[in-house]
Protein backbone atom coordinates (compact mmCIF):
# COMPACT_ATOMS: atom_id res chain seq x y z
CA UNK A 1 16.56 18.82 13.30
CA UNK A 2 19.64 20.01 10.44
CA UNK A 3 18.66 21.85 7.44
CA UNK A 4 20.36 22.50 3.83
CA UNK A 5 20.73 25.91 2.51
CA UNK A 6 20.87 25.67 -1.31
CA UNK A 7 21.53 28.87 -3.36
CA UNK A 8 20.11 27.75 -5.94
CA UNK A 9 21.33 28.35 -10.42
CA UNK A 10 24.65 27.02 -10.61
CA UNK A 11 25.04 24.33 -12.74
CA UNK A 12 27.18 20.88 -11.81
CA UNK A 13 30.25 20.05 -13.49
CA UNK A 14 33.29 17.14 -13.34
CA UNK A 15 32.45 13.49 -12.10
CA UNK A 16 31.06 11.94 -9.45
CA UNK A 17 30.87 8.24 -8.16
CA UNK A 18 27.54 6.67 -6.87
CA UNK A 19 27.91 5.43 -3.27
CA UNK A 20 27.38 1.50 -2.45
CA UNK A 21 23.54 0.58 -2.59
CA UNK A 22 21.77 0.58 0.47
CA UNK A 23 19.09 -1.53 0.15
CA UNK A 24 21.71 -3.85 -0.59
CA UNK A 25 24.07 -3.10 2.13
CA UNK A 26 21.02 -3.95 4.33
CA UNK A 27 20.23 -7.14 3.34
CA UNK A 28 23.66 -8.67 3.27
CA UNK A 29 24.76 -7.23 6.21
CA UNK A 30 21.76 -8.79 7.91
CA UNK A 31 23.05 -11.98 6.25
CA UNK A 32 26.32 -12.09 8.46
CA UNK A 33 24.02 -13.57 11.28
CA UNK A 34 23.74 -16.74 9.13
CA UNK A 35 27.47 -17.65 9.73
CA UNK A 36 29.84 -17.57 12.63
CA UNK A 37 32.92 -16.88 10.37
CA UNK A 38 34.02 -13.73 9.50
CA UNK A 39 32.37 -11.96 6.19
CA UNK A 40 34.43 -8.72 4.84
CA UNK A 41 32.39 -6.40 2.56
CA UNK A 42 33.10 -3.66 0.77
CA UNK A 43 31.71 -0.73 -0.54
CA UNK A 44 29.32 -0.17 2.42
CA UNK A 45 27.71 3.46 2.48
CA UNK A 46 28.43 5.74 5.06
CA UNK A 47 24.66 6.44 5.83
CA UNK A 48 22.28 6.72 8.80
CA UNK A 49 19.92 3.79 7.97
CA UNK A 50 22.85 1.17 7.18
CA UNK A 51 24.99 2.70 10.57
CA UNK A 52 21.78 2.30 12.38
CA UNK A 53 21.46 -1.68 11.19
CA UNK A 54 25.15 -2.47 12.10
CA UNK A 55 24.90 -0.61 15.56
CA UNK A 56 21.99 -2.87 16.31
CA UNK A 57 24.06 -5.95 15.04
CA UNK A 58 27.15 -4.94 17.29
CA UNK A 59 24.42 -4.82 20.28
CA UNK A 60 23.31 -8.10 19.79
CA UNK A 61 27.00 -9.11 20.27
CA UNK A 62 28.67 -9.17 16.04
CA UNK A 63 31.75 -8.41 16.39
CA UNK A 64 32.01 -5.14 13.48
CA UNK A 65 35.51 -3.74 12.64
CA UNK A 66 35.63 -1.40 10.26
CA UNK A 67 38.79 -1.63 7.57
CA UNK A 68 39.06 1.61 5.77
CA UNK A 69 36.08 3.99 3.83
CA UNK A 70 33.38 1.29 2.88
CA UNK A 71 34.67 -1.91 4.28
CA UNK A 72 33.98 -3.81 7.33
CA UNK A 73 34.09 -7.19 8.64
CA UNK A 74 31.56 -9.20 10.44
CA UNK A 75 31.97 -12.07 12.99
CA UNK A 76 28.46 -13.49 14.66
CA UNK A 77 29.89 -16.04 16.87
CA UNK A 78 28.80 -14.97 20.17
CA UNK A 79 24.95 -13.45 19.57
CA UNK A 80 23.23 -12.10 22.90
CA UNK A 81 19.78 -13.52 22.10
CA UNK A 82 18.48 -11.75 25.26
CA UNK A 83 19.44 -8.51 23.49
CA UNK A 84 16.32 -9.11 20.98
CA UNK A 85 13.73 -8.46 24.58
CA UNK A 86 15.45 -5.37 25.44
CA UNK A 87 13.20 -2.09 24.84
CA UNK A 88 16.85 -0.77 23.39
CA UNK A 89 15.86 -3.40 20.60
CA UNK A 90 12.75 -2.13 20.06
CA UNK A 91 13.55 1.36 20.14
CA UNK A 92 16.63 1.02 17.65
CA UNK A 93 14.21 -0.96 15.40
CA UNK A 94 11.03 1.33 15.55
CA UNK A 95 13.53 3.74 13.62
CA UNK A 96 14.85 1.36 11.10
CA UNK A 97 12.48 -0.21 8.68
CA UNK A 98 15.54 -2.40 7.26
CA UNK A 99 15.33 -4.18 11.09
CA UNK A 100 12.76 -6.51 9.45
CA UNK A 101 15.73 -8.14 7.58
CA UNK A 102 16.76 -9.64 10.77
CA UNK A 103 14.10 -11.70 10.75
CA UNK A 104 14.95 -14.58 8.38
CA UNK A 105 18.09 -15.23 9.49
CA UNK A 106 17.27 -15.24 13.04
CA UNK A 107 14.58 -17.88 12.22
CA UNK A 108 17.08 -19.50 10.13
CA UNK A 109 19.97 -20.05 11.53
CA UNK A 110 18.54 -19.45 15.65
CA UNK A 111 14.91 -21.05 15.43
CA UNK A 112 13.59 -17.97 17.17
CA UNK A 113 12.88 -14.37 16.78
CA UNK A 114 11.76 -11.20 18.48
CA UNK A 115 11.36 -8.42 16.31
CA UNK A 116 9.90 -4.79 17.05
CA UNK A 117 7.49 -3.62 14.36
CA UNK A 118 9.90 -1.62 11.69
CA UNK A 119 10.04 1.95 11.16
CA UNK A 120 11.16 4.03 7.98
CA UNK A 121 9.51 6.22 5.66
CA UNK A 122 5.99 7.43 6.14
CA UNK A 123 4.61 6.92 2.57
CA UNK A 124 1.73 4.56 3.58
CA UNK A 125 1.26 0.99 4.50
CA UNK A 126 4.09 -0.71 4.11
CA UNK A 127 2.77 -4.28 5.66
CA UNK A 128 4.49 -7.29 7.02
CA UNK A 129 2.64 -9.66 5.62
CA UNK A 130 4.31 -11.09 2.84
CA UNK A 131 7.05 -11.73 5.67
CA UNK A 132 5.15 -13.37 8.00
CA UNK A 133 3.33 -15.73 4.74
CA UNK A 134 6.20 -17.08 3.86
CA UNK A 135 7.87 -18.12 7.10
CA UNK A 136 4.38 -19.26 9.04
CA UNK A 137 3.96 -22.10 5.46
CA UNK A 138 7.81 -23.36 6.79
CA UNK A 139 6.40 -23.83 9.97
CA UNK A 140 6.76 -20.79 12.46
CA UNK A 141 4.29 -19.53 14.91
CA UNK A 142 3.79 -15.72 15.38
CA UNK A 143 2.49 -13.85 18.45
CA UNK A 144 2.10 -10.69 18.68
CA UNK A 145 2.57 -8.59 21.64
CA UNK A 146 0.36 -5.19 21.79
CA UNK A 147 1.86 -3.98 25.15
CA UNK A 148 6.01 -4.10 23.73
CA UNK A 149 4.72 -3.70 19.84
CA UNK A 150 6.95 -6.63 19.41
CA UNK A 151 6.45 -9.93 17.31
CA UNK A 152 7.37 -12.98 19.08
CA UNK A 153 8.28 -15.85 16.38
CA UNK A 154 9.23 -19.49 17.21
CA UNK A 155 10.61 -21.67 14.20
CA UNK A 156 11.43 -24.39 16.10
CA UNK A 157 10.28 -27.15 13.55
CA UNK A 158 11.14 -25.10 10.32
CA UNK A 159 10.96 -27.18 7.26
CA UNK A 160 11.11 -26.49 3.65
CA UNK A 161 8.11 -25.03 1.59
CA UNK A 162 6.30 -24.03 -1.71
CA UNK A 163 5.82 -20.44 -1.25
CA UNK A 164 3.50 -18.40 -3.39
CA UNK A 165 3.78 -14.66 -2.78
CA UNK A 166 1.23 -12.10 -2.84
CA UNK A 167 3.40 -9.33 -4.13
CA UNK A 168 6.84 -9.25 -5.02
CA UNK A 169 8.01 -7.86 -2.07
CA UNK A 170 12.08 -7.13 -2.11
CA UNK A 171 12.60 -7.62 1.69
CA UNK A 172 10.07 -10.04 1.80
CA UNK A 173 12.14 -12.88 -0.66
CA UNK A 174 15.17 -11.59 0.83
CA UNK A 175 14.39 -12.77 4.03
CA UNK A 176 12.43 -16.16 2.95
CA UNK A 177 15.58 -16.99 1.23
CA UNK A 178 17.76 -15.95 4.07
CA UNK A 179 15.62 -18.42 6.32
CA UNK A 180 15.46 -21.17 3.81
CA UNK A 181 19.31 -21.79 3.15
CA UNK A 182 20.17 -23.75 6.55
CA UNK A 183 16.44 -24.83 6.71
CA UNK A 184 15.73 -28.69 5.92
CA UNK A 185 14.43 -29.60 2.62
CA UNK A 186 13.64 -27.62 -0.44
CA UNK A 187 11.77 -24.34 -0.15
CA UNK A 188 10.56 -22.73 -3.84
CA UNK A 189 9.38 -19.05 -3.66
CA UNK A 190 7.26 -18.24 -6.54
CA UNK A 191 6.46 -14.57 -7.74
CA UNK A 192 9.72 -13.45 -5.78
CA UNK A 193 11.51 -9.99 -5.89
CA UNK A 194 14.20 -10.37 -8.65
CA UNK A 195 16.33 -6.58 -8.53
CA UNK A 196 20.07 -6.63 -8.66
CA UNK A 197 20.39 -6.66 -5.02
CA UNK A 198 18.10 -9.89 -4.63
CA UNK A 199 20.70 -11.25 -7.05
CA UNK A 200 23.75 -9.95 -4.96
CA UNK A 201 22.39 -11.18 -1.98
CA UNK A 202 22.24 -15.00 -3.42
CA UNK A 203 25.14 -15.11 -5.15
CA UNK A 204 26.79 -13.87 -1.92
CA UNK A 205 25.03 -16.68 -0.12
CA UNK A 206 25.94 -19.25 -2.47
CA UNK A 207 29.60 -18.32 -1.91
CA UNK A 208 29.32 -19.22 1.52
CA UNK A 209 27.82 -22.76 0.75
CA UNK A 210 24.17 -22.16 0.27
CA UNK A 211 22.24 -24.14 -2.90
CA UNK A 212 20.48 -21.33 -4.71
CA UNK A 213 18.97 -21.76 -8.18
CA UNK A 214 16.59 -19.44 -10.32
CA UNK A 215 18.32 -16.57 -9.60
CA UNK A 216 17.55 -13.50 -11.44
CA UNK A 217 14.06 -15.06 -11.79
CA UNK A 218 10.97 -14.93 -10.05
CA UNK A 219 11.24 -18.57 -9.45
CA UNK A 220 13.71 -18.98 -6.44
CA UNK A 221 14.65 -22.44 -5.37
CA UNK A 222 16.91 -23.15 -1.82
CA UNK A 223 18.30 -26.38 -0.58
CA UNK A 224 18.87 -26.51 2.67
CA UNK A 225 22.00 -26.81 4.36
CA UNK A 226 23.65 -27.76 7.55
CA UNK A 227 26.28 -24.40 7.96
CA UNK A 228 27.07 -21.70 5.99
CA UNK A 229 30.79 -20.34 6.03
CA UNK A 230 32.16 -16.75 5.51
CA UNK A 231 32.97 -15.00 2.52
CA UNK A 232 33.82 -11.55 0.74
CA UNK A 233 31.69 -9.41 -0.98
CA UNK A 234 31.39 -6.18 -3.13
CA UNK A 235 28.23 -3.89 -2.95
CA UNK A 236 26.76 -2.60 -6.67
CA UNK A 237 26.67 1.05 -6.77
CA UNK A 238 23.42 2.60 -6.02
CA UNK A 239 21.18 2.84 -9.15
CA UNK A 240 18.97 5.50 -7.07
CA UNK A 241 21.70 7.54 -6.47
CA UNK A 242 22.84 7.35 -10.65
CA UNK A 243 19.08 8.47 -11.13
CA UNK A 244 19.12 10.81 -8.72
CA UNK A 245 22.30 12.60 -10.68
CA UNK A 246 20.96 12.05 -13.68
CA UNK A 247 18.19 14.21 -12.89
CA UNK A 248 20.47 16.88 -11.55
CA UNK A 249 22.26 17.04 -14.28
CA UNK A 250 19.21 17.53 -16.38
CA UNK A 251 17.11 19.93 -14.28
CA UNK A 252 20.41 22.44 -13.58
CA UNK A 253 21.62 22.50 -17.54
CA UNK A 254 24.66 20.39 -16.41
CA UNK A 255 27.85 18.49 -17.98
CA UNK A 256 28.01 15.62 -15.69
CA UNK A 257 30.09 12.10 -15.98
CA UNK A 258 28.73 9.58 -13.50
CA UNK A 259 31.44 6.85 -12.76
CA UNK A 260 31.36 3.10 -12.31
CA UNK A 261 27.65 2.62 -12.58
CA UNK A 262 27.36 -0.92 -12.95
CA UNK A 263 25.51 -0.05 -16.10
CA UNK A 264 24.35 -3.39 -16.64
CA UNK A 265 22.39 -3.49 -13.46
CA UNK A 266 20.38 -0.30 -14.23
CA UNK A 267 17.63 -2.59 -15.72
CA UNK A 268 15.34 0.00 -17.22
CA UNK A 269 16.39 3.44 -15.61
CA UNK A 270 17.89 4.89 -18.82
CA UNK A 271 15.51 4.04 -20.93
CA UNK A 272 13.04 6.07 -18.65
CA UNK A 273 14.93 9.01 -18.65
CA UNK A 274 15.45 9.04 -22.07
CA UNK A 275 11.52 9.30 -22.70
CA UNK A 276 11.50 12.16 -20.85
CA UNK A 277 14.11 13.38 -23.60
CA UNK A 278 17.20 13.56 -21.72
CA UNK A 279 20.70 12.39 -23.78
CA UNK A 280 23.01 10.43 -22.58
CA UNK A 281 25.98 8.44 -23.47
CA UNK A 282 27.77 5.30 -21.88
CA UNK A 283 31.19 5.36 -21.92
CA UNK A 284 32.43 1.72 -20.63
CA UNK A 285 30.73 1.73 -16.96
CA UNK A 286 30.20 5.66 -17.25
CA UNK A 287 27.17 7.52 -17.83
CA UNK A 288 28.24 11.40 -19.51
CA UNK A 289 25.29 13.62 -19.55
CA UNK A 290 26.06 16.64 -21.92
CA UNK A 291 24.37 20.12 -20.73
CA UNK A 292 20.83 20.55 -22.26
CA UNK A 293 18.98 23.43 -22.48
CA UNK A 294 15.49 21.77 -23.10
CA UNK A 295 14.78 18.24 -23.28
CA UNK A 296 11.63 16.86 -25.01
CA UNK A 297 9.01 14.17 -23.96
CA UNK A 298 8.40 11.15 -25.74
CA UNK A 299 4.72 10.25 -26.28
CA UNK A 300 3.45 6.93 -27.13
CA UNK A 301 3.02 5.68 -30.66
CA UNK A 302 -0.37 7.14 -30.88
CA UNK A 303 -0.07 10.06 -29.96
CA UNK A 304 -1.16 10.33 -26.06
CA UNK A 305 0.61 11.65 -23.04
CA UNK A 306 3.50 10.08 -21.87
CA UNK A 307 2.66 7.75 -18.90
CA UNK A 308 5.74 6.73 -16.31
CA UNK A 309 4.82 4.34 -13.73
CA UNK A 310 6.39 1.84 -11.47
CA UNK A 311 6.42 -1.76 -11.17
CA UNK A 312 8.38 -4.92 -9.74
CA UNK A 313 12.08 -5.70 -11.45
CA UNK A 314 12.67 -4.98 -14.49
CA UNK A 315 10.33 -2.21 -14.26
CA UNK A 316 11.27 0.94 -12.73
CA UNK A 317 11.65 0.94 -9.33
CA UNK A 318 9.34 2.98 -7.00
CA UNK A 319 12.24 4.76 -5.76
CA UNK A 320 13.21 6.60 -8.78
CA UNK A 321 9.54 8.60 -9.23
CA UNK A 322 9.83 11.33 -6.80
CA UNK A 323 13.38 12.47 -9.07
CA UNK A 324 11.72 11.74 -12.64
CA UNK A 325 8.40 14.02 -11.41
CA UNK A 326 10.95 16.56 -10.56
CA UNK A 327 12.89 16.65 -13.66
CA UNK A 328 9.60 16.30 -15.78
CA UNK A 329 8.78 19.79 -14.31
CA UNK A 330 11.39 21.33 -16.62
CA UNK A 331 10.70 19.20 -19.48
CA UNK A 332 8.98 20.02 -22.85
CA UNK A 333 5.86 18.25 -22.54
CA UNK A 334 3.66 16.59 -20.31
CA UNK A 335 3.78 13.41 -18.30
CA UNK A 336 1.26 11.01 -15.98
CA UNK A 337 2.91 9.94 -13.06
CA UNK A 338 1.36 6.67 -11.60
CA UNK A 339 3.06 5.98 -8.28
CA UNK A 340 1.08 2.21 -7.62
CA UNK A 341 2.87 0.98 -4.77
CA UNK A 342 2.77 3.62 -2.02
CA UNK A 343 -0.99 6.06 -1.50
CA UNK A 344 1.50 8.47 0.24
CA UNK A 345 4.96 9.12 -2.03
CA UNK A 346 3.08 11.84 -4.43
CA UNK A 347 2.15 14.09 -1.60
CA UNK A 348 5.43 16.41 -1.44
CA UNK A 349 4.37 17.78 -4.98
CA UNK A 350 2.34 20.97 -3.01
CA UNK A 351 6.09 21.88 -2.18
CA UNK A 352 6.63 21.87 -5.55
CA UNK A 353 3.92 23.76 -6.68
CA UNK A 354 4.82 26.84 -4.15
CA UNK A 355 8.21 26.73 -6.39
CA UNK A 356 6.40 27.52 -9.40
CA UNK A 357 6.05 23.49 -10.69
CA UNK A 358 2.47 22.86 -13.03
CA UNK A 359 1.55 19.86 -11.17
CA UNK A 360 -2.10 18.65 -10.75
CA UNK A 361 -2.44 15.84 -8.05
CA UNK A 362 -5.34 13.51 -10.00
CA UNK A 363 -5.37 11.16 -6.24
CA UNK A 364 -3.19 9.83 -4.01
CA UNK A 365 -1.49 7.80 -6.92
CA UNK A 366 -1.26 9.92 -9.68
CA UNK A 367 0.15 13.38 -10.65
CA UNK A 368 0.31 15.01 -13.93
CA UNK A 369 3.40 16.97 -14.86
CA UNK A 370 2.69 20.07 -17.54
CA UNK A 371 6.93 20.92 -18.03
CA UNK A 372 8.22 24.51 -18.45
CA UNK A 373 10.36 23.76 -20.57
CA UNK A 374 12.88 25.74 -18.72
CA UNK A 375 10.94 28.73 -19.68
CA UNK A 376 10.20 29.31 -15.70
CA UNK A 377 12.81 28.67 -12.94
CA UNK A 378 11.29 27.47 -10.06
CA UNK A 379 11.81 29.46 -7.41
CA UNK A 380 13.56 28.88 -3.72
CA UNK A 381 11.09 27.62 -0.90
CA UNK A 382 11.20 26.65 2.58
CA UNK A 383 10.53 23.09 2.56
CA UNK A 384 10.79 19.62 4.95
CA UNK A 385 11.83 16.55 3.97
CA UNK A 386 9.07 13.81 4.55
CA UNK A 387 11.22 10.53 2.96
CA UNK A 388 14.34 9.68 1.69
CA UNK A 389 13.18 9.89 -1.72
CA UNK A 390 10.86 13.17 -1.68
CA UNK A 391 14.30 14.55 0.15
CA UNK A 392 16.70 14.46 -2.64
CA UNK A 393 13.71 15.49 -5.14
CA UNK A 394 13.10 18.43 -3.31
CA UNK A 395 16.89 19.06 -2.80
CA UNK A 396 17.17 18.48 -6.97
CA UNK A 397 14.29 21.08 -7.35
CA UNK A 398 16.14 23.62 -4.83
CA UNK A 399 19.62 23.07 -7.13
CA UNK A 400 17.71 24.44 -10.13
CA UNK A 401 15.67 26.88 -8.25
CA UNK A 402 15.80 30.73 -8.88
CA UNK A 403 17.32 32.15 -5.14
CA UNK A 404 17.44 30.11 -1.72
CA UNK A 405 16.05 27.12 -0.69
CA UNK A 406 16.04 26.03 2.96
CA UNK A 407 15.04 21.69 3.40
CA UNK A 408 14.49 21.15 7.13
CA UNK A 409 14.42 17.10 8.13
CA UNK A 410 17.34 16.69 6.29
CA UNK A 411 17.81 13.54 8.41
CA UNK A 412 15.76 11.76 5.78
CA UNK A 413 17.83 12.32 3.17
CA UNK A 414 21.04 11.35 5.29
CA UNK A 415 19.80 7.74 5.85
CA UNK A 416 20.11 7.39 2.19
CA UNK A 417 22.70 9.49 0.94
CA UNK A 418 26.43 9.31 1.53
CA UNK A 419 27.74 13.04 2.61
CA UNK A 420 25.71 14.23 -0.13
CA UNK A 421 26.32 18.01 0.40
CA UNK A 422 30.53 17.53 0.55
CA UNK A 423 30.07 15.52 -2.87
CA UNK A 424 27.67 17.67 -4.56
CA UNK A 425 29.49 21.15 -3.46
CA UNK A 426 32.84 19.11 -4.99
CA UNK A 427 31.07 19.68 -8.43
CA UNK A 428 29.59 23.08 -8.58
CA UNK A 429 26.47 23.00 -6.10
CA UNK A 430 26.18 25.66 -3.71
CA UNK A 431 24.91 23.68 -0.24
CA UNK A 432 25.12 24.63 3.36
CA UNK A 433 24.78 22.14 6.12
CA UNK A 434 23.00 23.67 9.36
CA UNK A 435 21.76 23.02 12.50
CA UNK A 436 18.64 24.33 14.15
CA UNK A 437 20.22 26.92 16.15
CA UNK A 438 22.05 28.53 12.87
CA UNK A 439 20.19 29.00 10.38
CA UNK A 440 20.52 32.54 8.68
CA UNK A 441 18.40 35.53 9.11
CA UNK A 442 18.78 36.72 5.59
CA UNK A 443 16.12 34.25 4.13
CA UNK A 444 13.08 36.03 4.50
CA UNK A 445 10.58 32.97 4.57
CA UNK A 446 12.31 31.62 7.75
CA UNK A 447 10.34 33.59 9.80
């Protein structure tokens, strides 16, 4: 288990470019199973979750060829369906939540699938019912093998259907779209997720020959076609990384330019940071965060405390709530955070409290942050990253803290952020990556 050693208190400066979007990459890479022709993709992030998915596809028989940094060509014309029954496949899927996205294309094109119960962040219950309910309405039959921990799905009689989702699940919507594009008849998905990454998936599939309408709405209509073809696709910048960099600049009082952010696809994210008092300037497709010694939290019109909560797109993505909470610890004012989707995602705040933050954890879903207004600097601490988003939030806290911090289990951060310590060091951060046998002896709280 590797660790980051962070010397806090240094300002960042210069420019940084966000990586390709992790969530989009997992969707569109899974979609290559829908055609036997080559699919060329650009701006694929070099992160653990994406690399693990590419590894699974390669083991399944997909030809995966890298053409330079971030560019890959996938050809799925020789699939080994028996690999899906192997213990190795089950083990690989158990480490990757995104492996569930293989379900839709496998059912849509090959009419059967074996899917292991997927892994991923331990942030509370993340049910698969939405995925299964939709494809069941389309005629799929499910069986769960307790001994192997594997779902066996038969989709030999798949047909179009009208589907009303009980939640606007992003991966559930993506799976149903991919299952529908090659399925005879018309399929409608109501209460569908409509994030930019779902829009990107639909646009790519349409270029491959699919017939999808209602893109960017919560009512998606698919008319099944007989085959799909190859295409070329470029992945959007990662909006969560853009938000993370905004938070880093604010917490460290830095002047920073975030390049090529695809501003029109950020939705409400800039507005939410503005509500915390953070100034930013849009310059073409870049965001400039000027250095601020203080940032004051807005209040609602009636004077009540600001509340920030997650919601389905175009609401605030839950993946940024951890970052926003950390940023609020140094704001001028108080904020109530309401994390509605995952009951364990706020449990990392005990580490921030140990660093000196003033936070009241009301229950698993709500926390009140009383900002220090930069009158008190967080202090360095020894921490462990519980999940991707809490990990980057703790890294932001450590960058702003007084003294040295150590974050262990940084493989969680690596799952979602490409070469993060190298990219941040290039703009002024002091971060060192260490393996477990090389932790320094001169950090007092390591022992």
